[in-house]
Amino acid sequence: MKKAYFGTDGIRGKANKVITPELALKVGQAAGLVFKRGTHRHRVVIGKDTRLSGYMIETALVAGFTSVGMDVLLLGPMPTPAIAMLARSMRADLGVMISASHNGFEDNGIKLFGPDGYKLSDDEEHEIAHLIDSDLSLRLASPSDLGRAKRIDSVQARYIEAAKRSLPRHIDFDGMRIVIDCANGAGYKVAPEALWELGAEVIAMGVEPDGFNINRDVGSTAPQALAQKVLEMRADIGIALDGDADRLLIVDEKGQVVDGDQLLAVIASDWQDEGRLSRPGLVSTVMSNLGLERYVTARGLQLHRTAVGDRHVLEAMREHGFNLGGEQSGHIICADYTTTGDGLVAALQVLDAVKRANKPVSEVCHCFEPVPQLLKNMRGKRAQSLEDKKVIASIKAAEDLLKGTGRVLVRPSGTEAMIRVMAEGDDAERVHEAVEMICAALNASHIVAA
């Protein structure tokens, strides 16, 4: 059986165990062959975050791409959305980001973007996966047609300018004190610089990567350090990025964390007032809080829900014509300016709304009261458990319990042997009861991971 290389966000795994030099070499060769379309000189741009294993993977990818005749432009540590943008603006045939996003340094991954800056389609990923498992020796370039590689040092300014252009020309952040936590990751240079150029007083943290400390007690997955710094510095706002800077969380002046649902509400409201929504609504996932749905509905907007994953969000945005979408985790896609989640661009939209409202962040970024929401992960359980009659009955009973006041969501994990059980509603006790009855039925199903 052939391996399933691609997950929900590229290829990811333990560095030098799953993501090996041999695999990276094959990915470079396979992706290069798939995207060698036409007779022009082909090129690929490669960026990375700050993990130690990035050097190893980058070198192997260069060998793979050049061996099939593709030129390589090495961009160094850059956010994932910057690679998507630069693939387009530098007229590359392919963009590659070496990152495992919010994971620890032990993991790494390979994300691929087409020449349009969008993540690859399922068909393109299947074609690459097929070639990875094939003998490519007869498809390598001749000695005279090998690709060349060179490092480009000027691209940070390109991305900063592109991010700044997402704001109205007259907007600056003069007088705002901002703490920016870059998670010791890919945004550690560009994010503080962009905010400084826009006039803010910038206090940067998580900007001393050493190859091992990416996402370690900093960034959007560990916002406590940012909250403490905001209070210590009496800052107006804190911004936390993740390891590859494609998502964010906000901390208000009181040290309270603001999640992606609230940020979506802030941007949607602001864009609605400014006439910037392409359609009267936005896209989010089935995990977004019911409070968000009620809030946007009250404003006459539609909340279009998708499966979990920013890829699904983007697909729905493109299909239905929405220019705003995102996830509770802080992946926010502002489609007028970027083709994927972009923590910096989203942060600028929030700062824009705060600046023009001339109110504290705690007021601007608290649009609705989230309803009680409870999520439990049932490890070791397989999707087949959801076919058990008692499990089906428990889900129906939970839905009846919350009918009219909440909702239930039960789904298998896309990456692990796990079933996620979520319920939310106005009554916290009923929410807890709904989750517990489903979990009890799952435990009794006796269908566990092999």
Protein backbone atom coordinates (compact mmCIF):
# COMPACT_ATOMS: atom_id res chain seq x y z
CA MET A 1 0.00 0.00 0.00
CA LYS A 2 1.34 3.44 -0.93
CA LYS A 3 1.93 5.94 1.85
CA ALA A 4 -0.41 8.88 2.34
CA TYR A 5 2.17 11.65 2.40
CA PHE A 6 -0.10 14.68 2.47
CA GLY A 7 -2.22 15.54 5.49
CA THR A 8 -4.55 18.47 6.01
CA ASP A 9 -1.69 20.97 5.68
CA GLY A 10 1.11 19.56 3.55
CA ILE A 11 3.52 16.85 4.68
CA ARG A 12 4.39 16.83 8.37
CA GLY A 13 6.13 14.59 10.90
CA LYS A 14 9.11 14.03 13.16
CA ALA A 15 12.28 15.57 11.70
CA ASN A 16 14.80 12.99 10.45
CA LYS A 17 12.32 10.21 11.27
CA VAL A 18 9.37 10.97 9.00
CA ILE A 19 10.61 14.13 7.30
CA THR A 20 13.98 12.76 6.18
CA PRO A 21 16.49 14.09 3.62
CA GLU A 22 15.50 11.20 1.36
CA LEU A 23 11.84 12.19 1.49
CA ALA A 24 12.60 15.89 0.96
CA LEU A 25 14.75 15.02 -2.06
CA LYS A 26 11.91 12.97 -3.56
CA VAL A 27 9.36 15.71 -2.82
CA GLY A 28 11.56 18.24 -4.63
CA GLN A 29 11.93 15.98 -7.64
CA ALA A 30 8.26 14.99 -7.78
CA ALA A 31 6.86 18.51 -7.23
CA GLY A 32 9.38 19.93 -9.70
CA LEU A 33 8.29 17.48 -12.40
CA VAL A 34 4.59 18.18 -11.80
CA PHE A 35 5.08 21.94 -12.07
CA LYS A 36 7.44 21.96 -15.04
CA ARG A 37 4.78 23.19 -17.42
CA GLY A 38 5.88 24.89 -20.61
CA THR A 39 9.27 25.57 -22.12
CA HIS A 40 10.36 28.55 -19.98
CA ARG A 41 13.07 28.37 -17.33
CA HIS A 42 11.27 27.12 -14.21
CA ARG A 43 11.85 28.36 -10.69
CA VAL A 44 10.77 27.60 -7.15
CA VAL A 45 10.96 29.81 -4.05
CA ILE A 46 11.73 28.14 -0.72
CA GLY A 47 11.22 29.64 2.73
CA LYS A 48 11.45 28.14 6.19
CA ASP A 49 10.86 28.81 9.84
CA THR A 50 13.58 28.66 12.49
CA ARG A 51 13.76 24.93 13.36
CA LEU A 52 17.20 23.31 13.42
CA SER A 53 16.03 20.69 10.93
CA GLY A 54 15.21 23.38 8.38
CA TYR A 55 18.81 23.42 7.16
CA MET A 56 18.74 19.69 6.43
CA ILE A 57 15.37 19.75 4.67
CA GLU A 58 16.18 22.90 2.69
CA THR A 59 19.39 21.38 1.33
CA ALA A 60 17.65 18.15 0.32
CA LEU A 61 14.85 20.05 -1.41
CA VAL A 62 17.39 22.11 -3.35
CA ALA A 63 19.03 18.90 -4.56
CA GLY A 64 15.66 17.52 -5.61
CA PHE A 65 14.48 20.58 -7.51
CA THR A 66 17.79 21.28 -9.26
CA SER A 67 18.10 17.61 -10.27
CA VAL A 68 14.95 17.94 -12.39
CA GLY A 69 16.04 21.25 -13.90
CA MET A 70 14.33 23.80 -11.65
CA ASP A 71 16.10 26.94 -10.44
CA VAL A 72 15.79 27.58 -6.70
CA LEU A 73 15.51 30.91 -4.88
CA LEU A 74 16.23 30.52 -1.16
CA LEU A 75 14.40 33.14 0.91
CA GLY A 76 15.42 32.10 4.44
CA PRO A 77 13.14 32.49 7.49
CA MET A 78 9.85 33.95 6.27
CA PRO A 79 6.18 33.51 7.24
CA THR A 80 4.15 30.95 5.34
CA PRO A 81 1.85 33.62 3.83
CA ALA A 82 4.94 35.47 2.61
CA ILE A 83 5.99 32.42 0.60
CA ALA A 84 2.52 32.19 -0.92
CA MET A 85 2.68 35.88 -1.86
CA LEU A 86 6.24 35.73 -3.19
CA ALA A 87 5.50 32.68 -5.34
CA ARG A 88 3.12 34.96 -7.24
CA SER A 89 5.07 38.22 -7.23
CA MET A 90 8.37 36.57 -8.20
CA ARG A 91 6.68 34.63 -11.01
CA ALA A 92 7.73 31.28 -9.57
CA ASP A 93 6.19 28.01 -10.69
CA LEU A 94 6.03 26.76 -7.12
CA GLY A 95 6.38 27.98 -3.56
CA VAL A 96 7.66 25.79 -0.70
CA MET A 97 7.51 26.47 3.03
CA ILE A 98 9.50 24.30 5.44
CA SER A 99 7.56 24.40 8.69
CA ALA A 100 5.48 22.43 11.18
CA SER A 101 3.51 25.55 12.13
CA HIS A 102 2.66 25.54 15.87
CA ASN A 103 4.38 22.20 16.65
CA GLY A 104 7.59 21.92 18.66
CA PHE A 105 11.05 21.98 17.09
CA GLU A 106 11.20 18.16 16.87
CA ASP A 107 8.64 18.19 14.05
CA ASN A 108 8.90 19.75 10.63
CA GLY A 109 6.96 19.77 7.40
CA ILE A 110 6.76 20.78 3.76
CA LYS A 111 3.94 23.02 2.51
CA LEU A 112 3.51 23.59 -1.21
CA PHE A 113 1.90 26.50 -3.06
CA GLY A 114 1.15 26.77 -6.77
CA PRO A 115 2.13 29.71 -8.98
CA ASP A 116 -1.14 31.43 -8.00
CA GLY A 117 -0.15 31.36 -4.31
CA TYR A 118 -2.85 28.88 -3.32
CA LYS A 119 -2.28 25.52 -1.66
CA LEU A 120 -2.27 22.60 -4.07
CA SER A 121 -5.41 20.78 -5.10
CA ASP A 122 -6.05 17.18 -4.08
CA ASP A 123 -5.29 16.06 -7.65
CA GLU A 124 -1.92 17.82 -7.65
CA GLU A 125 -1.03 16.32 -4.26
CA HIS A 126 -2.01 12.85 -5.50
CA GLU A 127 0.15 13.30 -8.59
CA ILE A 128 3.14 14.32 -6.48
CA ALA A 129 2.58 11.43 -4.06
CA HIS A 130 2.46 8.99 -6.97
CA LEU A 131 5.79 10.30 -8.29
CA ILE A 132 7.41 10.12 -4.84
CA ASP A 133 6.77 6.38 -4.90
CA SER A 134 8.00 6.04 -8.49
CA ASP A 135 11.42 5.50 -10.05
CA LEU A 136 12.37 8.96 -11.32
CA SER A 137 15.88 8.10 -12.51
CA LEU A 138 14.90 8.35 -16.17
CA ARG A 139 13.24 11.75 -15.69
CA LEU A 140 16.19 13.62 -14.19
CA ALA A 141 17.68 16.56 -16.06
CA SER A 142 20.75 16.19 -18.24
CA PRO A 143 24.02 17.63 -16.89
CA SER A 144 23.58 20.76 -19.00
CA ASP A 145 19.97 21.32 -17.86
CA LEU A 146 20.46 21.13 -14.10
CA GLY A 147 18.94 23.94 -12.07
CA ARG A 148 20.83 26.65 -10.19
CA ALA A 149 20.28 27.84 -6.63
CA LYS A 150 20.86 31.22 -5.05
CA ARG A 151 19.91 33.00 -1.85
CA ILE A 152 17.78 36.15 -2.01
CA ASP A 153 18.10 38.61 0.88
CA SER A 154 15.75 41.43 -0.15
CA VAL A 155 12.36 39.73 0.09
CA GLN A 156 11.50 40.71 3.67
CA ALA A 157 10.84 44.29 2.57
CA ARG A 158 8.54 43.02 -0.21
CA TYR A 159 6.35 41.15 2.23
CA ILE A 160 6.26 44.02 4.74
CA GLU A 161 5.11 46.43 2.03
CA ALA A 162 2.46 43.98 0.84
CA ALA A 163 1.13 43.62 4.38
CA LYS A 164 1.07 47.39 4.90
CA ARG A 165 -0.90 47.84 1.66
CA SER A 166 -3.78 45.95 3.28
CA LEU A 167 -4.46 49.12 5.29
CA PRO A 168 -6.02 52.38 4.11
CA ARG A 169 -3.29 54.88 3.21
CA HIS A 170 -4.07 57.36 5.97
CA ILE A 171 -3.90 54.78 8.78
CA ASP A 172 -0.92 54.56 11.10
CA PHE A 173 -0.51 53.32 14.66
CA ASP A 174 1.24 56.33 16.12
CA GLY A 175 0.65 56.45 19.88
CA MET A 176 -0.09 52.73 20.23
CA ARG A 177 2.11 50.55 22.41
CA ILE A 178 2.10 47.02 20.99
CA VAL A 179 3.69 43.85 22.32
CA ILE A 180 4.36 41.37 19.50
CA ASP A 181 5.19 37.74 20.31
CA CYS A 182 6.73 36.03 17.29
CA ALA A 183 7.01 32.55 18.87
CA ASN A 184 10.75 32.46 18.05
CA GLY A 185 9.49 31.56 14.60
CA ALA A 186 9.29 32.66 11.00
CA GLY A 187 7.88 36.13 11.67
CA TYR A 188 10.56 37.22 14.13
CA LYS A 189 12.05 39.81 11.77
CA VAL A 190 9.20 41.01 9.57
CA ALA A 191 6.36 41.41 12.10
CA PRO A 192 8.07 43.84 14.54
CA GLU A 193 9.54 45.78 11.61
CA ALA A 194 6.14 46.19 9.93
CA LEU A 195 4.53 47.50 13.13
CA TRP A 196 7.43 49.89 13.75
CA GLU A 197 7.20 51.25 10.20
CA LEU A 198 3.50 51.94 10.83
CA GLY A 199 4.37 54.18 13.76
CA ALA A 200 3.75 51.95 16.75
CA GLU A 201 5.89 51.67 19.83
CA VAL A 202 6.90 48.02 19.52
CA ILE A 203 7.93 45.66 22.31
CA ALA A 204 9.07 42.41 20.73
CA MET A 205 9.32 39.01 22.41
CA GLY A 206 9.88 35.54 21.00
CA VAL A 207 12.45 37.02 18.61
CA GLU A 208 15.55 35.06 19.65
CA PRO A 209 15.30 31.74 17.78
CA ASP A 210 18.02 29.19 18.45
CA GLY A 211 16.72 26.26 16.42
CA PHE A 212 15.09 24.63 19.44
CA ASN A 213 12.81 27.21 21.08
CA ILE A 214 10.16 27.77 18.38
CA ASN A 215 6.70 27.79 20.03
CA ARG A 216 8.27 26.91 23.40
CA ASP A 217 6.23 28.78 26.05
CA VAL A 218 5.63 31.61 23.58
CA GLY A 219 3.39 32.36 20.62
CA SER A 220 -0.30 31.81 19.97
CA THR A 221 -0.31 28.35 21.58
CA ALA A 222 1.08 29.74 24.86
CA PRO A 223 -0.30 33.29 25.23
CA GLN A 224 0.25 33.51 29.00
CA ALA A 225 3.71 35.03 28.57
CA LEU A 226 2.30 37.67 26.24
CA ALA A 227 -0.53 38.49 28.65
CA GLN A 228 1.99 39.01 31.44
CA LYS A 229 4.15 41.25 29.24
CA VAL A 230 1.18 43.36 28.17
CA LEU A 231 0.30 44.05 31.80
CA GLU A 232 3.93 44.66 32.75
CA MET A 233 4.48 47.17 29.94
CA ARG A 234 1.01 48.70 30.19
CA ALA A 235 0.61 48.07 26.50
CA ASP A 236 -2.52 48.79 24.48
CA ILE A 237 -2.54 45.37 22.86
CA GLY A 238 -0.56 42.14 22.50
CA ILE A 239 -0.29 40.10 19.31
CA ALA A 240 0.81 36.45 19.35
CA LEU A 241 1.82 34.67 16.16
CA ASP A 242 2.55 30.96 15.78
CA GLY A 243 5.72 29.34 14.45
CA ASP A 244 5.09 30.07 10.78
CA ALA A 245 3.04 33.25 11.39
CA ASP A 246 -0.07 32.11 9.56
CA ARG A 247 -2.29 32.58 12.61
CA LEU A 248 -2.62 34.83 15.63
CA LEU A 249 -4.31 35.52 18.93
CA ILE A 250 -4.76 38.90 20.59
CA VAL A 251 -4.36 39.95 24.22
CA ASP A 252 -6.23 43.08 25.33
CA GLU A 253 -4.93 45.77 27.68
CA LYS A 254 -6.35 43.83 30.65
CA GLY A 255 -4.34 40.72 29.79
CA GLN A 256 -7.36 38.81 28.49
CA VAL A 257 -6.89 36.49 25.50
CA VAL A 258 -9.05 37.11 22.43
CA ASP A 259 -9.55 34.09 20.17
CA GLY A 260 -10.11 33.79 16.44
CA ASP A 261 -13.91 33.86 16.71
CA GLN A 262 -13.88 37.29 18.33
CA LEU A 263 -11.30 38.54 15.83
CA LEU A 264 -13.47 37.38 12.94
CA ALA A 265 -16.37 39.29 14.47
CA VAL A 266 -14.24 42.44 14.81
CA ILE A 267 -13.02 42.35 11.21
CA ALA A 268 -16.42 41.39 9.79
CA SER A 269 -18.14 44.25 11.62
CA ASP A 270 -15.50 46.76 10.60
CA TRP A 271 -15.53 45.65 6.97
CA GLN A 272 -19.33 45.69 6.91
CA ASP A 273 -19.37 49.28 8.19
CA GLU A 274 -16.73 50.26 5.63
CA GLY A 275 -18.48 48.45 2.76
CA ARG A 276 -15.51 46.11 2.26
CA LEU A 277 -17.26 42.73 2.49
CA SER A 278 -17.55 41.18 -0.96
CA ARG A 279 -20.68 39.36 0.27
CA PRO A 280 -22.77 39.91 3.40
CA GLY A 281 -21.13 37.19 5.42
CA LEU A 282 -18.01 35.22 6.25
CA VAL A 283 -16.77 31.63 6.43
CA SER A 284 -15.74 29.71 9.52
CA THR A 285 -15.69 26.09 10.65
CA VAL A 286 -18.03 23.83 12.56
CA MET A 287 -15.93 24.52 15.67
CA SER A 288 -16.66 28.26 15.80
CA ASN A 289 -18.69 29.29 18.81
CA LEU A 290 -22.45 29.62 18.49
CA GLY A 291 -22.04 33.11 19.91
CA LEU A 292 -20.24 34.17 16.73
CA GLU A 293 -23.05 32.82 14.58
CA ARG A 294 -25.68 34.67 16.60
CA TYR A 295 -23.66 37.89 16.51
CA VAL A 296 -23.14 38.02 12.75
CA THR A 297 -26.73 36.90 12.09
CA ALA A 298 -27.98 39.80 14.22
CA ARG A 299 -25.95 42.12 11.98
CA GLY A 300 -27.63 40.70 8.88
CA LEU A 301 -24.62 38.61 7.88
CA GLN A 302 -24.36 34.93 7.03
CA LEU A 303 -21.96 32.53 8.74
CA HIS A 304 -21.07 29.77 6.27
CA ARG A 305 -19.61 26.80 8.17
CA THR A 306 -17.11 24.27 6.80
CA ALA A 307 -15.15 21.28 8.02
CA VAL A 308 -12.17 22.03 10.28
CA GLY A 309 -9.05 23.30 8.49
CA ASP A 310 -8.13 26.59 6.85
CA ARG A 311 -7.98 24.77 3.52
CA HIS A 312 -11.71 24.02 3.73
CA VAL A 313 -12.39 27.62 4.76
CA LEU A 314 -10.53 28.97 1.75
CA GLU A 315 -12.23 26.57 -0.66
CA ALA A 316 -15.65 27.75 0.56
CA MET A 317 -14.58 31.40 0.32
CA ARG A 318 -13.49 30.95 -3.30
CA GLU A 319 -16.54 28.92 -4.23
CA HIS A 320 -19.10 31.31 -2.72
CA GLY A 321 -17.34 34.65 -3.16
CA PHE A 322 -16.59 35.58 0.46
CA ASN A 323 -13.47 37.65 1.17
CA LEU A 324 -13.25 36.92 4.92
CA GLY A 325 -12.95 33.59 6.69
CA GLY A 326 -11.09 31.85 9.45
CA GLU A 327 -10.97 29.54 12.42
CA GLN A 328 -11.33 29.81 16.18
CA SER A 329 -7.62 28.91 16.43
CA GLY A 330 -6.67 32.22 14.80
CA HIS A 331 -6.19 31.25 11.16
CA ILE A 332 -7.79 34.26 9.45
CA ILE A 333 -7.90 34.69 5.68
CA CYS A 334 -8.39 38.18 4.27
CA ALA A 335 -8.77 37.15 0.65
CA ASP A 336 -8.39 40.66 -0.81
CA TYR A 337 -4.77 40.63 0.35
CA THR A 338 -3.61 37.04 0.79
CA THR A 339 -4.26 33.50 -0.43
CA THR A 340 -3.84 31.78 2.92
CA GLY A 341 -4.01 32.51 6.64
CA ASP A 342 -1.81 35.49 7.50
CA GLY A 343 -1.24 36.44 11.13
CA LEU A 344 0.33 39.83 10.36
CA VAL A 345 -2.29 40.95 7.85
CA ALA A 346 -5.11 39.88 10.18
CA ALA A 347 -3.46 41.71 13.07
CA LEU A 348 -3.28 44.88 10.98
CA GLN A 349 -7.01 44.66 10.25
CA VAL A 350 -7.75 44.39 13.97
CA LEU A 351 -5.43 47.29 14.78
CA ASP A 352 -7.12 49.34 12.06
CA ALA A 353 -10.53 48.72 13.66
CA VAL A 354 -9.19 49.59 17.13
CA LYS A 355 -7.51 52.77 15.93
CA ARG A 356 -10.60 54.13 14.19
CA ALA A 357 -12.94 53.13 17.03
CA ASN A 358 -10.71 55.04 19.46
CA LYS A 359 -11.72 52.65 22.23
CA PRO A 360 -9.77 50.17 24.37
CA VAL A 361 -9.05 46.78 22.80
CA SER A 362 -11.11 45.10 25.53
CA GLU A 363 -14.21 46.90 24.19
CA VAL A 364 -13.53 46.64 20.47
CA CYS A 365 -12.51 42.98 20.55
CA HIS A 366 -15.34 41.71 22.73
CA CYS A 367 -18.21 41.56 20.27
CA PHE A 368 -20.22 38.74 21.83
CA GLU A 369 -20.46 36.49 24.86
CA PRO A 370 -19.34 32.98 23.86
CA VAL A 371 -21.79 30.28 24.84
CA PRO A 372 -20.42 27.49 27.06
CA GLN A 373 -18.52 25.04 24.86
CA LEU A 374 -16.97 21.72 25.89
CA LEU A 375 -14.66 19.56 23.80
CA LYS A 376 -13.41 16.09 24.77
CA ASN A 377 -11.00 13.99 22.74
CA MET A 378 -11.62 10.26 22.94
CA ARG A 379 -8.19 8.82 22.20
CA GLY A 380 -7.85 5.38 20.67
CA LYS A 381 -11.34 5.48 19.16
CA ARG A 382 -11.85 4.94 15.45
CA ALA A 383 -14.47 6.33 13.07
CA GLN A 384 -16.21 2.93 13.08
CA SER A 385 -17.34 3.70 16.63
CA LEU A 386 -19.71 6.27 15.18
CA GLU A 387 -21.60 3.42 13.46
CA ASP A 388 -22.38 1.73 16.78
CA LYS A 389 -26.13 1.84 17.49
CA LYS A 390 -25.67 2.97 21.09
CA VAL A 391 -23.32 5.77 19.99
CA ILE A 392 -25.82 6.90 17.35
CA ALA A 393 -28.57 6.87 19.97
CA SER A 394 -26.45 8.87 22.43
CA ILE A 395 -25.75 11.55 19.84
CA LYS A 396 -29.48 11.80 19.06
CA ALA A 397 -30.27 12.08 22.78
CA ALA A 398 -27.63 14.81 23.21
CA GLU A 399 -29.04 16.74 20.26
CA ASP A 400 -32.53 16.49 21.74
CA LEU A 401 -31.20 17.70 25.10
CA LEU A 402 -29.77 20.86 23.51
CA LYS A 403 -32.44 21.35 20.86
CA GLY A 404 -33.10 25.04 20.31
CA THR A 405 -30.41 26.12 22.78
CA GLY A 406 -27.20 24.63 21.40
CA ARG A 407 -25.62 22.02 19.16
CA VAL A 408 -23.57 18.84 19.15
CA LEU A 409 -20.61 17.94 16.93
CA VAL A 410 -18.95 14.51 16.90
CA ARG A 411 -16.20 13.84 14.38
CA PRO A 412 -13.15 11.62 13.90
CA SER A 413 -9.76 13.34 13.91
CA GLY A 414 -8.17 13.72 10.51
CA THR A 415 -4.67 12.99 11.84
CA GLU A 416 -4.97 10.71 14.89
CA ALA A 417 -6.89 7.71 16.21
CA MET A 418 -9.28 9.92 18.09
CA ILE A 419 -12.90 11.04 18.07
CA ARG A 420 -13.65 14.62 19.07
CA VAL A 421 -16.87 15.24 20.97
CA MET A 422 -18.04 18.84 21.20
CA ALA A 423 -21.22 20.40 22.52
CA GLU A 424 -22.16 24.00 23.18
CA GLY A 425 -25.25 25.79 24.37
CA ASP A 426 -26.75 28.33 26.73
CA ASP A 427 -26.91 25.90 29.67
CA ALA A 428 -23.43 24.75 30.76
CA GLU A 429 -24.82 21.81 32.76
CA ARG A 430 -26.71 20.47 29.77
CA VAL A 431 -23.64 20.91 27.58
CA HIS A 432 -21.60 18.85 30.04
CA GLU A 433 -24.33 16.20 30.24
CA ALA A 434 -24.52 15.97 26.43
CA VAL A 435 -20.78 15.41 26.07
CA GLU A 436 -20.62 12.88 28.89
CA MET A 437 -23.42 10.71 27.51
CA ILE A 438 -21.72 10.50 24.11
CA CYS A 439 -18.32 9.76 25.65
CA ALA A 440 -19.84 7.01 27.79
CA ALA A 441 -21.37 5.40 24.70
CA LEU A 442 -18.05 5.63 22.86
CA ASN A 443 -16.25 3.97 25.78
CA ALA A 444 -18.79 1.16 25.70
CA SER A 445 -18.40 0.64 21.93
CA HIS A 446 -15.16 -1.39 22.39
CA ILE A 447 -13.90 -0.26 18.97
CA VAL A 448 -10.38 1.00 19.51
CA ALA A 449 -7.43 1.83 17.30
CA ALA A 450 -5.52 -1.11 15.92
